[in-house]
Amino acid sequence: MRVCIDCECLLLAESLRLFLGSSATTRKDCDFIVSDRATKGSKPVFVIDSNSPYLKVPFNKETLLNTLGEFYSAMQISGKIQSSELTSLERRVGDLVDKFKSDLIRIIKDEYEK
């Protein structure tokens, strides 16, 4: 889980950096954005504020990490992580597996059609 922190509140932003540690990254490399306001963009946004459906202030580290983990899992299940975010290796392996699968199906069909 890679998270971009984009908060207007400096105290919240710094708290998130401390809590998230190495999970915090740039907007370009993140899976989703954690913010204190709703923003538009290509990445999903996890909003933390008093009216948020996800997490309200105040919160502790454990609650934050659990809630972010649930949000990330829900994103994965619903397919919100775009295939464009796959690494080159993942894409190449996926293409190879797809080719193998189609070749295998073709061989099996050819064998049964004899």
PDB file of N, CA and C in Angstrom:
ATOM      1  N   MET A   1       0.854  -1.171   0.000  1.00  0.00           N
ATOM      2  CA  MET A   1       0.000   0.000   0.000  1.00  0.00           C
ATOM      3  C   MET A   1       0.898   1.232   0.000  1.00  0.00           C
ATOM      4  N   ARG A   2       0.750   2.034  -1.037  1.00  0.00           N
ATOM      5  CA  ARG A   2       1.519   3.273  -1.152  1.00  0.00           C
ATOM      6  C   ARG A   2       0.547   4.441  -1.095  1.00  0.00           C
ATOM      7  N   VAL A   3       0.838   5.400  -0.229  1.00  0.00           N
ATOM      8  CA  VAL A   3      -0.108   6.468   0.061  1.00  0.00           C
ATOM      9  C   VAL A   3       0.547   7.831  -0.148  1.00  0.00           C
ATOM     10  N   CYS A   4      -0.168   8.719  -0.824  1.00  0.00           N
ATOM     11  CA  CYS A   4       0.266  10.108  -0.956  1.00  0.00           C
ATOM     12  C   CYS A   4      -0.491  10.936   0.078  1.00  0.00           C
ATOM     13  N   ILE A   5       0.225  11.770   0.802  1.00  0.00           N
ATOM     14  CA  ILE A   5      -0.396  12.637   1.804  1.00  0.00           C
ATOM     15  C   ILE A   5      -0.550  14.025   1.193  1.00  0.00           C
ATOM     16  N   ASP A   6      -1.792  14.498   1.129  1.00  0.00           N
ATOM     17  CA  ASP A   6      -2.089  15.803   0.536  1.00  0.00           C
ATOM     18  C   ASP A   6      -3.063  16.539   1.449  1.00  0.00           C
ATOM     19  N   CYS A   7      -2.530  17.134   2.506  1.00  0.00           N
ATOM     20  CA  CYS A   7      -3.372  17.797   3.509  1.00  0.00           C
ATOM     21  C   CYS A   7      -3.037  19.277   3.608  1.00  0.00           C
ATOM     22  N   GLU A   8      -4.074  20.086   3.782  1.00  0.00           N
ATOM     23  CA  GLU A   8      -3.859  21.504   4.044  1.00  0.00           C
ATOM     24  C   GLU A   8      -3.375  21.715   5.475  1.00  0.00           C
ATOM     25  N   CYS A   9      -3.858  20.901   6.389  1.00  0.00           N
ATOM     26  CA  CYS A   9      -3.466  20.993   7.797  1.00  0.00           C
ATOM     27  C   CYS A   9      -2.072  20.376   7.973  1.00  0.00           C
ATOM     28  N   LEU A  10      -1.113  21.211   8.303  1.00  0.00           N
ATOM     29  CA  LEU A  10       0.263  20.736   8.442  1.00  0.00           C
ATOM     30  C   LEU A  10       0.420  19.739   9.585  1.00  0.00           C
ATOM     31  N   LEU A  11      -0.314  19.940  10.660  1.00  0.00           N
ATOM     32  CA  LEU A  11      -0.239  19.024  11.796  1.00  0.00           C
ATOM     33  C   LEU A  11      -0.745  17.632  11.404  1.00  0.00           C
ATOM     34  N   LEU A  12      -1.845  17.584  10.693  1.00  0.00           N
ATOM     35  CA  LEU A  12      -2.379  16.305  10.223  1.00  0.00           C
ATOM     36  C   LEU A  12      -1.411  15.646   9.242  1.00  0.00           C
ATOM     37  N   ALA A  13      -0.876  16.429   8.322  1.00  0.00           N
ATOM     38  CA  ALA A  13       0.059  15.891   7.329  1.00  0.00           C
ATOM     39  C   ALA A  13       1.284  15.284   8.003  1.00  0.00           C
ATOM     40  N   GLU A  14       1.833  15.972   8.978  1.00  0.00           N
ATOM     41  CA  GLU A  14       3.025  15.463   9.663  1.00  0.00           C
ATOM     42  C   GLU A  14       2.698  14.228  10.498  1.00  0.00           C
ATOM     43  N   SER A  15       1.536  14.216  11.122  1.00  0.00           N
ATOM     44  CA  SER A  15       1.110  13.033  11.889  1.00  0.00           C
ATOM     45  C   SER A  15       0.981  11.829  10.962  1.00  0.00           C
ATOM     46  N   LEU A  16       0.390  12.046   9.806  1.00  0.00           N
ATOM     47  CA  LEU A  16       0.243  10.955   8.840  1.00  0.00           C
ATOM     48  C   LEU A  16       1.603  10.445   8.376  1.00  0.00           C
ATOM     49  N   ARG A  17       2.533  11.355   8.127  1.00  0.00           N
ATOM     50  CA  ARG A  17       3.885  10.938   7.710  1.00  0.00           C
ATOM     51  C   ARG A  17       4.543  10.071   8.782  1.00  0.00           C
ATOM     52  N   LEU A  18       4.383  10.471  10.031  1.00  0.00           N
ATOM     53  CA  LEU A  18       4.959   9.687  11.127  1.00  0.00           C
ATOM     54  C   LEU A  18       4.295   8.317  11.239  1.00  0.00           C
ATOM     55  N   PHE A  19       2.976   8.282  11.148  1.00  0.00           N
ATOM     56  CA  PHE A  19       2.240   7.027  11.285  1.00  0.00           C
ATOM     57  C   PHE A  19       2.471   6.091  10.103  1.00  0.00           C
ATOM     58  N   LEU A  20       2.543   6.648   8.898  1.00  0.00           N
ATOM     59  CA  LEU A  20       2.636   5.809   7.699  1.00  0.00           C
ATOM     60  C   LEU A  20       4.065   5.384   7.369  1.00  0.00           C
ATOM     61  N   GLY A  21       5.029   6.147   7.811  1.00  0.00           N
ATOM     62  CA  GLY A  21       6.428   5.771   7.584  1.00  0.00           C
ATOM     63  C   GLY A  21       6.737   5.574   6.113  1.00  0.00           C
ATOM     64  N   SER A  22       7.234   4.395   5.770  1.00  0.00           N
ATOM     65  CA  SER A  22       7.670   4.124   4.396  1.00  0.00           C
ATOM     66  C   SER A  22       6.507   3.926   3.423  1.00  0.00           C
ATOM     67  N   SER A  23       5.279   3.866   3.921  1.00  0.00           N
ATOM     68  CA  SER A  23       4.120   3.749   3.023  1.00  0.00           C
ATOM     69  C   SER A  23       3.796   5.074   2.345  1.00  0.00           C
ATOM     70  N   ALA A  24       4.289   6.171   2.905  1.00  0.00           N
ATOM     71  CA  ALA A  24       4.049   7.491   2.311  1.00  0.00           C
ATOM     72  C   ALA A  24       4.941   7.653   1.086  1.00  0.00           C
ATOM     73  N   THR A  25       4.343   8.152   0.005  1.00  0.00           N
ATOM     74  CA  THR A  25       5.085   8.310  -1.243  1.00  0.00           C
ATOM     75  C   THR A  25       4.539   9.503  -2.020  1.00  0.00           C
ATOM     76  N   THR A  26       5.007   9.674  -3.225  1.00  0.00           N
ATOM     77  CA  THR A  26       4.570  10.790  -4.061  1.00  0.00           C
ATOM     78  C   THR A  26       3.229  10.485  -4.720  1.00  0.00           C
ATOM     79  N   ARG A  27       2.595  11.518  -5.226  1.00  0.00           N
ATOM     80  CA  ARG A  27       1.307  11.358  -5.908  1.00  0.00           C
ATOM     81  C   ARG A  27       1.444  10.442  -7.124  1.00  0.00           C
ATOM     82  N   LYS A  28       2.548  10.547  -7.808  1.00  0.00           N
ATOM     83  CA  LYS A  28       2.772   9.741  -9.012  1.00  0.00           C
ATOM     84  C   LYS A  28       2.850   8.247  -8.690  1.00  0.00           C
ATOM     85  N   ASP A  29       3.469   7.901  -7.575  1.00  0.00           N
ATOM     86  CA  ASP A  29       3.720   6.497  -7.239  1.00  0.00           C
ATOM     87  C   ASP A  29       2.695   5.882  -6.289  1.00  0.00           C
ATOM     88  N   CYS A  30       1.703   6.642  -5.875  1.00  0.00           N
ATOM     89  CA  CYS A  30       0.789   6.154  -4.841  1.00  0.00           C
ATOM     90  C   CYS A  30      -0.349   5.310  -5.412  1.00  0.00           C
ATOM     91  N   ASP A  31      -0.956   4.522  -4.525  1.00  0.00           N
ATOM     92  CA  ASP A  31      -2.163   3.772  -4.860  1.00  0.00           C
ATOM     93  C   ASP A  31      -3.398   4.630  -4.625  1.00  0.00           C
ATOM     94  N   PHE A  32      -3.335   5.474  -3.593  1.00  0.00           N
ATOM     95  CA  PHE A  32      -4.422   6.399  -3.304  1.00  0.00           C
ATOM     96  C   PHE A  32      -3.890   7.571  -2.489  1.00  0.00           C
ATOM     97  N   ILE A  33      -4.729   8.590  -2.337  1.00  0.00           N
ATOM     98  CA  ILE A  33      -4.345   9.829  -1.665  1.00  0.00           C
ATOM     99  C   ILE A  33      -5.099   9.942  -0.350  1.00  0.00           C
ATOM    100  N   VAL A  34      -4.391  10.358   0.698  1.00  0.00           N
ATOM    101  CA  VAL A  34      -5.030  10.671   1.971  1.00  0.00           C
ATOM    102  C   VAL A  34      -5.027  12.191   2.087  1.00  0.00           C
ATOM    103  N   SER A  35      -6.219  12.753   2.318  1.00  0.00           N
ATOM    104  CA  SER A  35      -6.344  14.201   2.347  1.00  0.00           C
ATOM    105  C   SER A  35      -7.337  14.633   3.413  1.00  0.00           C
ATOM    106  N   ASP A  36      -7.288  15.911   3.745  1.00  0.00           N
ATOM    107  CA  ASP A  36      -8.259  16.462   4.687  1.00  0.00           C
ATOM    108  C   ASP A  36      -9.373  17.209   3.956  1.00  0.00           C
ATOM    109  N   ARG A  37      -9.428  17.024   2.644  1.00  0.00           N
ATOM    110  CA  ARG A  37     -10.481  17.626   1.829  1.00  0.00           C
ATOM    111  C   ARG A  37     -10.721  16.745   0.606  1.00  0.00           C
ATOM    112  N   ALA A  38     -11.905  16.828   0.071  1.00  0.00           N
ATOM    113  CA  ALA A  38     -12.220  16.065  -1.140  1.00  0.00           C
ATOM    114  C   ALA A  38     -11.522  16.726  -2.321  1.00  0.00           C
ATOM    115  N   THR A  39     -10.865  15.921  -3.130  1.00  0.00           N
ATOM    116  CA  THR A  39     -10.182  16.435  -4.312  1.00  0.00           C
ATOM    117  C   THR A  39     -10.529  15.566  -5.504  1.00  0.00           C
ATOM    118  N   LYS A  40     -10.437  16.138  -6.668  1.00  0.00           N
ATOM    119  CA  LYS A  40     -10.674  15.399  -7.910  1.00  0.00           C
ATOM    120  C   LYS A  40      -9.329  14.963  -8.466  1.00  0.00           C
ATOM    121  N   GLY A  41      -9.319  13.821  -9.100  1.00  0.00           N
ATOM    122  CA  GLY A  41      -8.094  13.335  -9.709  1.00  0.00           C
ATOM    123  C   GLY A  41      -8.264  11.907 -10.166  1.00  0.00           C
ATOM    124  N   SER A  42      -7.194  11.362 -10.680  1.00  0.00           N
ATOM    125  CA  SER A  42      -7.249  10.000 -11.199  1.00  0.00           C
ATOM    126  C   SER A  42      -7.094   8.947 -10.107  1.00  0.00           C
ATOM    127  N   LYS A  43      -6.640   9.355  -8.939  1.00  0.00           N
ATOM    128  CA  LYS A  43      -6.432   8.410  -7.836  1.00  0.00           C
ATOM    129  C   LYS A  43      -7.574   8.529  -6.827  1.00  0.00           C
ATOM    130  N   PRO A  44      -7.940   7.418  -6.200  1.00  0.00           N
ATOM    131  CA  PRO A  44      -8.959   7.477  -5.143  1.00  0.00           C
ATOM    132  C   PRO A  44      -8.455   8.317  -3.966  1.00  0.00           C
ATOM    133  N   VAL A  45      -9.391   8.976  -3.285  1.00  0.00           N
ATOM    134  CA  VAL A  45      -9.033   9.848  -2.164  1.00  0.00           C
ATOM    135  C   VAL A  45      -9.683   9.339  -0.881  1.00  0.00           C
ATOM    136  N   PHE A  46      -8.869   9.164   0.135  1.00  0.00           N
ATOM    137  CA  PHE A  46      -9.310   8.795   1.478  1.00  0.00           C
ATOM    138  C   PHE A  46      -9.337  10.088   2.281  1.00  0.00           C
ATOM    139  N   VAL A  47     -10.531  10.550   2.640  1.00  0.00           N
ATOM    140  CA  VAL A  47     -10.668  11.840   3.315  1.00  0.00           C
ATOM    141  C   VAL A  47     -10.745  11.643   4.826  1.00  0.00           C
ATOM    142  N   ILE A  48      -9.958  12.447   5.532  1.00  0.00           N
ATOM    143  CA  ILE A  48      -9.994  12.454   6.996  1.00  0.00           C
ATOM    144  C   ILE A  48     -10.460  13.840   7.432  1.00  0.00           C
ATOM    145  N   ASP A  49     -11.660  13.906   7.989  1.00  0.00           N
ATOM    146  CA  ASP A  49     -12.148  15.138   8.612  1.00  0.00           C
ATOM    147  C   ASP A  49     -13.344  14.795   9.490  1.00  0.00           C
ATOM    148  N   SER A  50     -13.952  15.795  10.068  1.00  0.00           N
ATOM    149  CA  SER A  50     -15.038  15.540  11.022  1.00  0.00           C
ATOM    150  C   SER A  50     -16.290  14.965  10.359  1.00  0.00           C
ATOM    151  N   ASN A  51     -16.447  15.137   9.051  1.00  0.00           N
ATOM    152  CA  ASN A  51     -17.617  14.611   8.334  1.00  0.00           C
ATOM    153  C   ASN A  51     -17.276  13.437   7.425  1.00  0.00           C
ATOM    154  N   SER A  52     -16.098  12.888   7.565  1.00  0.00           N
ATOM    155  CA  SER A  52     -15.634  11.828   6.670  1.00  0.00           C
ATOM    156  C   SER A  52     -16.338  10.499   6.932  1.00  0.00           C
ATOM    157  N   PRO A  53     -16.669   9.784   5.863  1.00  0.00           N
ATOM    158  CA  PRO A  53     -17.225   8.443   6.052  1.00  0.00           C
ATOM    159  C   PRO A  53     -16.140   7.415   6.406  1.00  0.00           C
ATOM    160  N   TYR A  54     -14.880   7.774   6.206  1.00  0.00           N
ATOM    161  CA  TYR A  54     -13.779   6.840   6.424  1.00  0.00           C
ATOM    162  C   TYR A  54     -13.192   6.933   7.829  1.00  0.00           C
ATOM    163  N   LEU A  55     -12.734   8.123   8.187  1.00  0.00           N
ATOM    164  CA  LEU A  55     -12.033   8.294   9.458  1.00  0.00           C
ATOM    165  C   LEU A  55     -12.210   9.724   9.939  1.00  0.00           C
ATOM    166  N   LYS A  56     -12.544   9.853  11.194  1.00  0.00           N
ATOM    167  CA  LYS A  56     -12.750  11.178  11.782  1.00  0.00           C
ATOM    168  C   LYS A  56     -11.586  11.514  12.709  1.00  0.00           C
ATOM    169  N   VAL A  57     -11.349  12.794  12.877  1.00  0.00           N
ATOM    170  CA  VAL A  57     -10.326  13.280  13.794  1.00  0.00           C
ATOM    171  C   VAL A  57     -10.968  13.378  15.167  1.00  0.00           C
ATOM    172  N   PRO A  58     -10.365  12.977  16.236  1.00  0.00           N
ATOM    173  CA  PRO A  58      -9.021  12.417  16.379  1.00  0.00           C
ATOM    174  C   PRO A  58      -9.010  10.912  16.106  1.00  0.00           C
ATOM    175  N   PHE A  59      -7.822  10.400  15.825  1.00  0.00           N
ATOM    176  CA  PHE A  59      -7.638   8.973  15.581  1.00  0.00           C
ATOM    177  C   PHE A  59      -6.261   8.580  16.100  1.00  0.00           C
ATOM    178  N   ASN A  60      -6.056   7.279  16.267  1.00  0.00           N
ATOM    179  CA  ASN A  60      -4.728   6.815  16.677  1.00  0.00           C
ATOM    180  C   ASN A  60      -4.097   6.043  15.521  1.00  0.00           C
ATOM    181  N   LYS A  61      -2.853   5.679  15.689  1.00  0.00           N
ATOM    182  CA  LYS A  61      -2.106   5.015  14.620  1.00  0.00           C
ATOM    183  C   LYS A  61      -2.764   3.700  14.218  1.00  0.00           C
ATOM    184  N   GLU A  62      -3.168   2.911  15.187  1.00  0.00           N
ATOM    185  CA  GLU A  62      -3.769   1.607  14.897  1.00  0.00           C
ATOM    186  C   GLU A  62      -5.060   1.755  14.094  1.00  0.00           C
ATOM    187  N   THR A  63      -5.902   2.686  14.505  1.00  0.00           N
ATOM    188  CA  THR A  63      -7.156   2.927  13.786  1.00  0.00           C
ATOM    189  C   THR A  63      -6.877   3.400  12.364  1.00  0.00           C
ATOM    190  N   LEU A  64      -5.918   4.296  12.220  1.00  0.00           N
ATOM    191  CA  LEU A  64      -5.552   4.797  10.896  1.00  0.00           C
ATOM    192  C   LEU A  64      -5.101   3.660   9.990  1.00  0.00           C
ATOM    193  N   LEU A  65      -4.157   2.866  10.465  1.00  0.00           N
ATOM    194  CA  LEU A  65      -3.612   1.794   9.633  1.00  0.00           C
ATOM    195  C   LEU A  65      -4.671   0.746   9.292  1.00  0.00           C
ATOM    196  N   ASN A  66      -5.519   0.407  10.246  1.00  0.00           N
ATOM    197  CA  ASN A  66      -6.590  -0.562   9.975  1.00  0.00           C
ATOM    198  C   ASN A  66      -7.579  -0.023   8.944  1.00  0.00           C
ATOM    199  N   THR A  67      -7.972   1.225   9.101  1.00  0.00           N
ATOM    200  CA  THR A  67      -8.946   1.822   8.185  1.00  0.00           C
ATOM    201  C   THR A  67      -8.354   1.988   6.787  1.00  0.00           C
ATOM    202  N   LEU A  68      -7.095   2.404   6.713  1.00  0.00           N
ATOM    203  CA  LEU A  68      -6.444   2.520   5.405  1.00  0.00           C
ATOM    204  C   LEU A  68      -6.306   1.146   4.745  1.00  0.00           C
ATOM    205  N   GLY A  69      -5.999   0.125   5.537  1.00  0.00           N
ATOM    206  CA  GLY A  69      -5.904  -1.235   5.006  1.00  0.00           C
ATOM    207  C   GLY A  69      -7.232  -1.714   4.439  1.00  0.00           C
ATOM    208  N   GLU A  70      -8.318  -1.417   5.140  1.00  0.00           N
ATOM    209  CA  GLU A  70      -9.651  -1.786   4.652  1.00  0.00           C
ATOM    210  C   GLU A  70      -9.980  -1.037   3.358  1.00  0.00           C
ATOM    211  N   PHE A  71      -9.644   0.252   3.318  1.00  0.00           N
ATOM    212  CA  PHE A  71      -9.884   1.066   2.127  1.00  0.00           C
ATOM    213  C   PHE A  71      -9.105   0.504   0.939  1.00  0.00           C
ATOM    214  N   TYR A  72      -7.846   0.166   1.167  1.00  0.00           N
ATOM    215  CA  TYR A  72      -6.991  -0.377   0.111  1.00  0.00           C
ATOM    216  C   TYR A  72      -7.523  -1.727  -0.375  1.00  0.00           C
ATOM    217  N   SER A  73      -7.942  -2.572   0.556  1.00  0.00           N
ATOM    218  CA  SER A  73      -8.505  -3.877   0.177  1.00  0.00           C
ATOM    219  C   SER A  73      -9.774  -3.704  -0.650  1.00  0.00           C
ATOM    220  N   ALA A  74     -10.614  -2.776  -0.237  1.00  0.00           N
ATOM    221  CA  ALA A  74     -11.845  -2.513  -0.989  1.00  0.00           C
ATOM    222  C   ALA A  74     -11.524  -2.006  -2.395  1.00  0.00           C
ATOM    223  N   MET A  75     -10.484  -1.193  -2.503  1.00  0.00           N
ATOM    224  CA  MET A  75     -10.063  -0.704  -3.820  1.00  0.00           C
ATOM    225  C   MET A  75      -9.623  -1.861  -4.703  1.00  0.00           C
ATOM    226  N   GLN A  76      -8.854  -2.763  -4.140  1.00  0.00           N
ATOM    227  CA  GLN A  76      -8.366  -3.899  -4.915  1.00  0.00           C
ATOM    228  C   GLN A  76      -9.520  -4.780  -5.363  1.00  0.00           C
ATOM    229  N   ILE A  77     -10.451  -5.018  -4.478  1.00  0.00           N
ATOM    230  CA  ILE A  77     -11.596  -5.865  -4.806  1.00  0.00           C
ATOM    231  C   ILE A  77     -12.444  -5.224  -5.896  1.00  0.00           C
ATOM    232  N   SER A  78     -12.640  -3.920  -5.789  1.00  0.00           N
ATOM    233  CA  SER A  78     -13.494  -3.244  -6.763  1.00  0.00           C
ATOM    234  C   SER A  78     -12.750  -2.866  -8.040  1.00  0.00           C
ATOM    235  N   GLY A  79     -11.461  -3.146  -8.089  1.00  0.00           N
ATOM    236  CA  GLY A  79     -10.702  -2.899  -9.317  1.00  0.00           C
ATOM    237  C   GLY A  79     -10.322  -1.457  -9.537  1.00  0.00           C
ATOM    238  N   LYS A  80     -10.243  -0.674  -8.480  1.00  0.00           N
ATOM    239  CA  LYS A  80      -9.900   0.734  -8.628  1.00  0.00           C
ATOM    240  C   LYS A  80      -8.428   0.955  -8.924  1.00  0.00           C
ATOM    241  N   ILE A  81      -7.601  -0.034  -8.673  1.00  0.00           N
ATOM    242  CA  ILE A  81      -6.189   0.104  -9.006  1.00  0.00           C
ATOM    243  C   ILE A  81      -6.057  -0.221 -10.485  1.00  0.00           C
ATOM    244  N   GLN A  82      -5.689   0.740 -11.251  1.00  0.00           N
ATOM    245  CA  GLN A  82      -5.674   0.631 -12.699  1.00  0.00           C
ATOM    246  C   GLN A  82      -4.527  -0.246 -13.181  1.00  0.00           C
ATOM    247  N   SER A  83      -4.744  -0.904 -14.306  1.00  0.00           N
ATOM    248  CA  SER A  83      -3.701  -1.747 -14.870  1.00  0.00           C
ATOM    249  C   SER A  83      -2.503  -0.917 -15.317  1.00  0.00           C
ATOM    250  N   SER A  84      -2.707   0.380 -15.556  1.00  0.00           N
ATOM    251  CA  SER A  84      -1.588   1.235 -15.940  1.00  0.00           C
ATOM    252  C   SER A  84      -0.593   1.386 -14.801  1.00  0.00           C
ATOM    253  N   GLU A  85      -0.998   1.050 -13.592  1.00  0.00           N
ATOM    254  CA  GLU A  85      -0.110   1.157 -12.449  1.00  0.00           C
ATOM    255  C   GLU A  85       0.719  -0.103 -12.243  1.00  0.00           C
ATOM    256  N   LEU A  86       0.473  -1.114 -13.056  1.00  0.00           N
ATOM    257  CA  LEU A  86       1.261  -2.331 -12.941  1.00  0.00           C
ATOM    258  C   LEU A  86       2.679  -2.059 -13.412  1.00  0.00           C
ATOM    259  N   THR A  87       3.605  -2.722 -12.802  1.00  0.00           N
ATOM    260  CA  THR A  87       4.988  -2.552 -13.230  1.00  0.00           C
ATOM    261  C   THR A  87       5.197  -3.240 -14.567  1.00  0.00           C
ATOM    262  N   SER A  88       6.265  -2.907 -15.193  1.00  0.00           N
ATOM    263  CA  SER A  88       6.595  -3.499 -16.486  1.00  0.00           C
ATOM    264  C   SER A  88       6.723  -5.016 -16.365  1.00  0.00           C
ATOM    265  N   LEU A  89       7.357  -5.476 -15.308  1.00  0.00           N
ATOM    266  CA  LEU A  89       7.520  -6.918 -15.104  1.00  0.00           C
ATOM    267  C   LEU A  89       6.167  -7.596 -14.936  1.00  0.00           C
ATOM    268  N   GLU A  90       5.287  -6.996 -14.140  1.00  0.00           N
ATOM    269  CA  GLU A  90       3.955  -7.574 -13.944  1.00  0.00           C
ATOM    270  C   GLU A  90       3.201  -7.660 -15.269  1.00  0.00           C
ATOM    271  N   ARG A  91       3.319  -6.632 -16.082  1.00  0.00           N
ATOM    272  CA  ARG A  91       2.660  -6.638 -17.386  1.00  0.00           C
ATOM    273  C   ARG A  91       3.223  -7.731 -18.280  1.00  0.00           C
ATOM    274  N   ARG A  92       4.545  -7.848 -18.305  1.00  0.00           N
ATOM    275  CA  ARG A  92       5.188  -8.853 -19.151  1.00  0.00           C
ATOM    276  C   ARG A  92       4.811 -10.262 -18.714  1.00  0.00           C
ATOM    277  N   VAL A  93       4.816 -10.498 -17.404  1.00  0.00           N
ATOM    278  CA  VAL A  93       4.439 -11.817 -16.889  1.00  0.00           C
ATOM    279  C   VAL A  93       2.975 -12.104 -17.222  1.00  0.00           C
ATOM    280  N   GLY A  94       2.114 -11.117 -17.048  1.00  0.00           N
ATOM    281  CA  GLY A  94       0.699 -11.285 -17.375  1.00  0.00           C
ATOM    282  C   GLY A  94       0.490 -11.606 -18.845  1.00  0.00           C
ATOM    283  N   ASP A  95       1.219 -10.906 -19.707  1.00  0.00           N
ATOM    284  CA  ASP A  95       1.120 -11.174 -21.146  1.00  0.00           C
ATOM    285  C   ASP A  95       1.589 -12.590 -21.475  1.00  0.00           C
ATOM    286  N   LEU A  96       2.666 -13.006 -20.844  1.00  0.00           N
ATOM    287  CA  LEU A  96       3.195 -14.348 -21.075  1.00  0.00           C
ATOM    288  C   LEU A  96       2.204 -15.420 -20.620  1.00  0.00           C
ATOM    289  N   VAL A  97       1.596 -15.210 -19.466  1.00  0.00           N
ATOM    290  CA  VAL A  97       0.601 -16.162 -18.957  1.00  0.00           C
ATOM    291  C   VAL A  97      -0.607 -16.215 -19.892  1.00  0.00           C
ATOM    292  N   ASP A  98      -1.057 -15.062 -20.362  1.00  0.00           N
ATOM    293  CA  ASP A  98      -2.191 -15.030 -21.292  1.00  0.00           C
ATOM    294  C   ASP A  98      -1.862 -15.761 -22.592  1.00  0.00           C
ATOM    295  N   LYS A  99      -0.658 -15.566 -23.101  1.00  0.00           N
ATOM    296  CA  LYS A  99      -0.244 -16.248 -24.331  1.00  0.00           C
ATOM    297  C   LYS A  99      -0.191 -17.758 -24.104  1.00  0.00           C
ATOM    298  N   PHE A 100       0.383 -18.166 -22.982  1.00  0.00           N
ATOM    299  CA  PHE A 100       0.456 -19.589 -22.654  1.00  0.00           C
ATOM    300  C   PHE A 100      -0.942 -20.191 -22.566  1.00  0.00           C
ATOM    301  N   LYS A 101      -1.836 -19.479 -21.922  1.00  0.00           N
ATOM    302  CA  LYS A 101      -3.209 -19.961 -21.758  1.00  0.00           C
ATOM    303  C   LYS A 101      -3.896 -20.127 -23.114  1.00  0.00           C
ATOM    304  N   SER A 102      -3.757 -19.148 -23.984  1.00  0.00           N
ATOM    305  CA  SER A 102      -4.404 -19.250 -25.297  1.00  0.00           C
ATOM    306  C   SER A 102      -3.778 -20.367 -26.135  1.00  0.00           C
ATOM    307  N   ASP A 103      -2.451 -20.529 -26.052  1.00  0.00           N
ATOM    308  CA  ASP A 103      -1.795 -21.620 -26.778  1.00  0.00           C
ATOM    309  C   ASP A 103      -2.253 -22.978 -26.252  1.00  0.00           C
ATOM    310  N   LEU A 104      -2.370 -23.102 -24.959  1.00  0.00           N
ATOM    311  CA  LEU A 104      -2.808 -24.351 -24.345  1.00  0.00           C
ATOM    312  C   LEU A 104      -4.245 -24.686 -24.756  1.00  0.00           C
ATOM    313  N   ILE A 105      -5.110 -23.699 -24.746  1.00  0.00           N
ATOM    314  CA  ILE A 105      -6.502 -23.918 -25.166  1.00  0.00           C
ATOM    315  C   ILE A 105      -6.554 -24.330 -26.632  1.00  0.00           C
ATOM    316  N   ARG A 106      -5.752 -23.691 -27.467  1.00  0.00           N
ATOM    317  CA  ARG A 106      -5.708 -24.038 -28.891  1.00  0.00           C
ATOM    318  C   ARG A 106      -5.246 -25.481 -29.079  1.00  0.00           C
ATOM    319  N   ILE A 107      -4.214 -25.896 -28.350  1.00  0.00           N
ATOM    320  CA  ILE A 107      -3.701 -27.269 -28.455  1.00  0.00           C
ATOM    321  C   ILE A 107      -4.766 -28.275 -28.021  1.00  0.00           C
ATOM    322  N   ILE A 108      -5.444 -27.978 -26.929  1.00  0.00           N
ATOM    323  CA  ILE A 108      -6.491 -28.888 -26.439  1.00  0.00           C
ATOM    324  C   ILE A 108      -7.634 -28.971 -27.439  1.00  0.00           C
ATOM    325  N   LYS A 109      -8.054 -27.846 -27.993  1.00  0.00           N
ATOM    326  CA  LYS A 109      -9.122 -27.853 -28.994  1.00  0.00           C
ATOM    327  C   LYS A 109      -8.704 -28.647 -30.223  1.00  0.00           C
ATOM    328  N   ASP A 110      -7.470 -28.432 -30.678  1.00  0.00           N
ATOM    329  CA  ASP A 110      -6.975 -29.165 -31.843  1.00  0.00           C
ATOM    330  C   ASP A 110      -6.982 -30.666 -31.587  1.00  0.00           C
ATOM    331  N   GLU A 111      -6.617 -31.071 -30.399  1.00  0.00           N
ATOM    332  CA  GLU A 111      -6.558 -32.491 -30.046  1.00  0.00           C
ATOM    333  C   GLU A 111      -7.956 -33.104 -30.019  1.00  0.00           C
ATOM    334  N   TYR A 112      -8.930 -32.383 -29.493  1.00  0.00           N
ATOM    335  CA  TYR A 112     -10.292 -32.909 -29.410  1.00  0.00           C
ATOM    336  C   TYR A 112     -11.028 -32.870 -30.745  1.00  0.00           C
ATOM    337  N   GLU A 113     -10.595 -32.031 -31.658  1.00  0.00           N
ATOM    338  CA  GLU A 113     -11.264 -31.924 -32.953  1.00  0.00           C
ATOM    339  C   GLU A 113     -10.768 -32.960 -33.949  1.00  0.00           C
ATOM    340  N   LYS A 114      -9.789 -33.751 -33.592  1.00  0.00           N
ATOM    341  CA  LYS A 114      -9.262 -34.785 -34.499  1.00  0.00           C
ATOM    342  C   LYS A 114     -10.251 -35.894 -34.696  1.00  0.00           C
TER     343      LYS A 114
END
